[in-house]
Every structure is written in structure tokens, then in C-alpha cells.
Amino acid sequence: MKIHIEKYADGVKQEALTLPLGPLRFFAGLLPAEARRQLSDHGLDLDRLLDTKAADTDVQWLEVTEKDAPKRIRISRGE
């Protein structure tokens, strides 16, 4: 199982990254509670994303600003 991360600007994909789920689950466990809360405040539900029993169709979006330009980050799980 893998996590897929894509960055979009003006609806156009700029970057894509795929990471294995295992190491991400390990590192997520090391995150301080405040970091988890901030991610949640921005719309990222780490527990749902890393839950292997949840449907693979779940997609989460983060709204970010990079160099004064708004961007959207799409995060999903799959093979």
C-alpha cells in the first residue's frame, strides 16, 4: 500500500510523489500532538489516511501557499 501526494497550481499538476505506507505510519507515530492538531486543522486526517481498513477511495486535500501562490495538495492511498 502506498500514499500518493500531488501538488496542483491553478488546477494543473506540478509534482507527484508516491511513498510506502509502512514508514509513514512509523513517522506519524513520532509526531507531537500539536503537529497532528495543526495538520487536522488544515484538513488532513492522518488516522484515516494511514488506516489500512479504510476505503482506498478516500482523498484528502490541503490548501497551502507557496511563494505567495495558492496551491492544493491531493493526498490519497492506493497501490
Foldseek 3Di string as FASTA:
>chain_A
DWKKKFKFAPRDTDDIDIGRLVVVVVVVVVDDPVVCVVCVVQWDDVVQQSDPPHDQPDKTWGWDADPNGIMIMIMTDDD
